[in-house]
C-alpha atoms as a PDB file:
ATOM      1  CA  MET A   1     -51.637 -31.795 -46.886  1.00  0.00           C
ATOM      2  CA  PHE A   2     -51.632 -34.150 -43.851  1.00  0.00           C
ATOM      3  CA  THR A   3     -53.695 -37.413 -43.933  1.00  0.00           C
ATOM      4  CA  PRO A   4     -54.163 -39.142 -40.536  1.00  0.00           C
ATOM      5  CA  THR A   5     -53.399 -42.845 -40.769  1.00  0.00           C
ATOM      6  CA  GLY A   6     -54.481 -44.095 -37.306  1.00  0.00           C
ATOM      7  CA  PRO A   7     -53.398 -47.388 -35.792  1.00  0.00           C
ATOM      8  CA  VAL A   8     -52.475 -50.232 -38.092  1.00  0.00           C
ATOM      9  CA  ARG A   9     -55.303 -52.770 -38.444  1.00  0.00           C
ATOM     10  CA  ARG A  10     -54.491 -56.444 -37.858  1.00  0.00           C
ATOM     11  CA  PRO A  11     -57.569 -58.465 -38.878  1.00  0.00           C
ATOM     12  CA  TRP A  12     -55.813 -61.769 -38.185  1.00  0.00           C
ATOM     13  CA  LEU A  13     -55.196 -60.982 -34.495  1.00  0.00           C
ATOM     14  CA  ARG A  14     -58.740 -61.558 -33.100  1.00  0.00           C
ATOM     15  CA  PRO A  15     -59.178 -65.073 -34.566  1.00  0.00           C
ATOM     16  CA  LEU A  16     -55.696 -65.969 -33.315  1.00  0.00           C
ATOM     17  CA  ILE A  17     -56.557 -64.821 -29.776  1.00  0.00           C
ATOM     18  CA  ALA A  18     -59.854 -66.767 -29.872  1.00  0.00           C
ATOM     19  CA  LEU A  19     -58.062 -69.916 -31.035  1.00  0.00           C
ATOM     20  CA  GLY A  20     -55.509 -69.510 -28.248  1.00  0.00           C
ATOM     21  CA  ALA A  21     -58.290 -69.172 -25.658  1.00  0.00           C
ATOM     22  CA  VAL A  22     -60.001 -72.338 -26.924  1.00  0.00           C
ATOM     23  CA  PHE A  23     -56.671 -74.178 -26.721  1.00  0.00           C
ATOM     24  CA  VAL A  24     -56.059 -73.019 -23.130  1.00  0.00           C
ATOM     25  CA  VAL A  25     -59.554 -74.089 -22.000  1.00  0.00           C
ATOM     26  CA  GLY A  26     -59.181 -77.499 -23.696  1.00  0.00           C
ATOM     27  CA  ALA A  27     -55.770 -78.028 -22.135  1.00  0.00           C
ATOM     28  CA  GLY A  28     -57.236 -77.151 -18.735  1.00  0.00           C
ATOM     29  CA  PHE A  29     -59.965 -79.789 -19.086  1.00  0.00           C
ATOM     30  CA  TRP A  30     -57.375 -82.357 -20.164  1.00  0.00           C
ATOM     31  CA  VAL A  31     -55.187 -81.581 -17.130  1.00  0.00           C
ATOM     32  CA  LEU A  32     -58.206 -81.916 -14.796  1.00  0.00           C
ATOM     33  CA  THR A  33     -59.060 -85.286 -16.327  1.00  0.00           C
ATOM     34  CA  VAL A  34     -55.518 -86.599 -15.915  1.00  0.00           C
ATOM     35  CA  VAL A  35     -55.189 -85.299 -12.347  1.00  0.00           C
ATOM     36  CA  SER A  36     -58.582 -86.613 -11.173  1.00  0.00           C
ATOM     37  CA  ASP A  37     -58.143 -90.107 -12.698  1.00  0.00           C
ATOM     38  CA  ASP A  38     -57.603 -92.638  -9.899  1.00  0.00           C
ATOM     39  CA  GLY A  39     -56.581 -95.458 -12.244  1.00  0.00           C
ATOM     40  CA  LYS A  40     -59.661 -97.564 -11.484  1.00  0.00           C
ATOM     41  CA  PRO A  41     -62.072 -98.539 -14.236  1.00  0.00           C
ATOM     42  CA  SER A  42     -65.348 -96.653 -14.108  1.00  0.00           C
ATOM     43  CA  ALA A  43     -68.205 -98.337 -12.271  1.00  0.00           C
ATOM     44  CA  LYS A  44     -70.320-100.590 -14.458  1.00  0.00           C
ATOM     45  CA  VAL A  45     -73.997 -99.983 -13.754  1.00  0.00           C
ATOM     46  CA  ALA A  46     -76.652-102.695 -13.505  1.00  0.00           C
ATOM     47  CA  ARG A  47     -78.163-101.970 -16.926  1.00  0.00           C
ATOM     48  CA  ASP A  48     -74.849-103.113 -18.463  1.00  0.00           C
ATOM     49  CA  ALA A  49     -74.887-106.422 -16.558  1.00  0.00           C
ATOM     50  CA  VAL A  50     -75.234-109.732 -18.372  1.00  0.00           C
ATOM     51  CA  VAL A  51     -76.390-113.135 -17.146  1.00  0.00           C
ATOM     52  CA  GLY A  52     -73.820-114.499 -14.688  1.00  0.00           C
ATOM     53  CA  ASP A  53     -72.631-111.086 -13.427  1.00  0.00           C
ATOM     54  CA  CYS A  54     -72.914-110.204  -9.754  1.00  0.00           C
ATOM     55  CA  LEU A  55     -74.229-106.921  -8.400  1.00  0.00           C
ATOM     56  CA  GLU A  56     -73.493-104.839  -5.312  1.00  0.00           C
ATOM     57  CA  ASN A  57     -76.293-102.744  -3.818  1.00  0.00           C
ATOM     58  CA  ARG A  58     -74.888 -99.337  -2.794  1.00  0.00           C
ATOM     59  CA  GLY A  59     -78.347 -97.993  -1.987  1.00  0.00           C
ATOM     60  CA  THR A  60     -81.063 -99.316   0.290  1.00  0.00           C
ATOM     61  CA  HIS A  61     -83.414-102.264  -0.089  1.00  0.00           C
ATOM     62  CA  ALA A  62     -86.279 -99.876  -0.890  1.00  0.00           C
ATOM     63  CA  ASP A  63     -84.179 -97.740  -3.277  1.00  0.00           C
ATOM     64  CA  PRO A  64     -81.399 -99.958  -4.692  1.00  0.00           C
ATOM     65  CA  VAL A  65     -78.406 -98.586  -6.585  1.00  0.00           C
ATOM     66  CA  LEU A  66     -76.753-101.608  -8.217  1.00  0.00           C
ATOM     67  CA  PHE A  67     -73.263-101.859  -9.713  1.00  0.00           C
ATOM     68  CA  THR A  68     -71.600-104.843 -11.384  1.00  0.00           C
ATOM     69  CA  ILE A  69     -68.730-106.423  -9.420  1.00  0.00           C
ATOM     70  CA  GLY A  70     -66.923-109.765  -9.375  1.00  0.00           C
ATOM     71  CA  CYS A  71     -68.855-112.695  -7.942  1.00  0.00           C
ATOM     72  CA  SER A  72     -65.916-113.639  -5.702  1.00  0.00           C
ATOM     73  CA  ASP A  73     -66.082-110.214  -4.004  1.00  0.00           C
ATOM     74  CA  ALA A  74     -67.593-110.292  -0.499  1.00  0.00           C
ATOM     75  CA  LYS A  75     -69.676-107.209  -1.377  1.00  0.00           C
ATOM     76  CA  ALA A  76     -71.665-109.110  -4.034  1.00  0.00           C
ATOM     77  CA  ASP A  77     -75.340-109.073  -3.058  1.00  0.00           C
ATOM     78  CA  TYR A  78     -77.109-110.505  -6.134  1.00  0.00           C
ATOM     79  CA  LYS A  79     -76.378-112.623  -9.185  1.00  0.00           C
ATOM     80  CA  VAL A  80     -78.085-111.963 -12.530  1.00  0.00           C
ATOM     81  CA  MET A  81     -79.911-115.120 -13.600  1.00  0.00           C
ATOM     82  CA  ILE A  82     -82.138-113.826 -16.449  1.00  0.00           C
ATOM     83  CA  ASN A  83     -82.215-110.635 -18.469  1.00  0.00           C
ATOM     84  CA  ALA A  84     -85.986-110.163 -18.762  1.00  0.00           C
ATOM     85  CA  THR A  85     -85.882-106.817 -20.565  1.00  0.00           C
ATOM     86  CA  ARG A  86     -87.792-108.118 -23.581  1.00  0.00           C
ATOM     87  CA  ARG A  87     -90.094-110.286 -21.476  1.00  0.00           C
ATOM     88  CA  GLY A  88     -90.820-107.524 -18.941  1.00  0.00           C
ATOM     89  CA  ALA A  89     -91.290-109.755 -15.887  1.00  0.00           C
ATOM     90  CA  CYS A  90     -89.363-112.369 -13.924  1.00  0.00           C
ATOM     91  CA  PRO A  91     -90.533-115.805 -12.783  1.00  0.00           C
ATOM     92  CA  PRO A  92     -91.749-115.733  -9.153  1.00  0.00           C
ATOM     93  CA  GLU A  93     -88.674-117.504  -7.727  1.00  0.00           C
ATOM     94  CA  PHE A  94     -86.412-114.527  -8.608  1.00  0.00           C
ATOM     95  CA  ASP A  95     -86.078-111.004  -7.235  1.00  0.00           C
ATOM     96  CA  GLU A  96     -86.875-108.467  -9.944  1.00  0.00           C
ATOM     97  CA  TYR A  97     -84.890-105.272 -10.550  1.00  0.00           C
ATOM     98  CA  THR A  98     -86.120-102.734 -13.087  1.00  0.00           C
ATOM     99  CA  GLU A  99     -84.142 -99.674 -14.115  1.00  0.00           C
ATOM    100  CA  ARG A 100     -85.688 -97.022 -16.294  1.00  0.00           C
ATOM    101  CA  GLY A 101     -83.717 -94.763 -18.603  1.00  0.00           C
ATOM    102  CA  GLY A 102     -80.433 -95.273 -20.394  1.00  0.00           C
ATOM    103  CA  ARG A 103     -79.886 -95.623 -24.095  1.00  0.00           C
ATOM    104  CA  LEU A 104     -82.027 -98.778 -24.386  1.00  0.00           C
ATOM    105  CA  GLY A 105     -84.939 -97.622 -22.248  1.00  0.00           C
ATOM    106  CA  GLN A 106     -86.077 -99.954 -19.463  1.00  0.00           C
ATOM    107  CA  THR A 107     -83.906-102.833 -18.194  1.00  0.00           C
ATOM    108  CA  THR A 108     -85.358-105.712 -16.154  1.00  0.00           C
ATOM    109  CA  LEU A 109     -83.061-108.227 -14.429  1.00  0.00           C
ATOM    110  CA  CYS A 110     -84.013-111.394 -12.543  1.00  0.00           C
ATOM    111  CA  LEU A 111     -81.726-111.805  -9.520  1.00  0.00           C
ATOM    112  CA  THR A 112     -80.930-114.309  -6.822  1.00  0.00           C
ATOM    113  CA  PRO A 113     -79.184-113.432  -3.550  1.00  0.00           C
ATOM    114  CA  VAL A 114     -75.512-114.409  -3.333  1.00  0.00           C
ATOM    115  CA  ARG A 115     -74.614-116.609  -0.362  1.00  0.00           C
ATOM    116  CA  HIS A 116     -71.046-116.175   0.903  1.00  0.00           C
END
């Protein structure tokens, strides 16, 4: 009597193919990261600034987008004089910048213009 056997089952093959696909996708992301890296440190946003840091405004006066840069840089627009995050407001002689969001919630910085 003849018993049909059919194709040989390989239960280990599907997980191996899935693992290979995950490896290829991960390697692709790694290659994109290496290729797109310009060697410069990432921009430090205003909420990470500390007293004494200088900030460059890459936005407008009405809608500022501030990034931390060196105070000797000609692009420096403001210097952080007080971190008023806990206080919530700056003394009247300072410009106030408030940024909402981030991991700590709201950040309030008291700034003075930098004169070059």
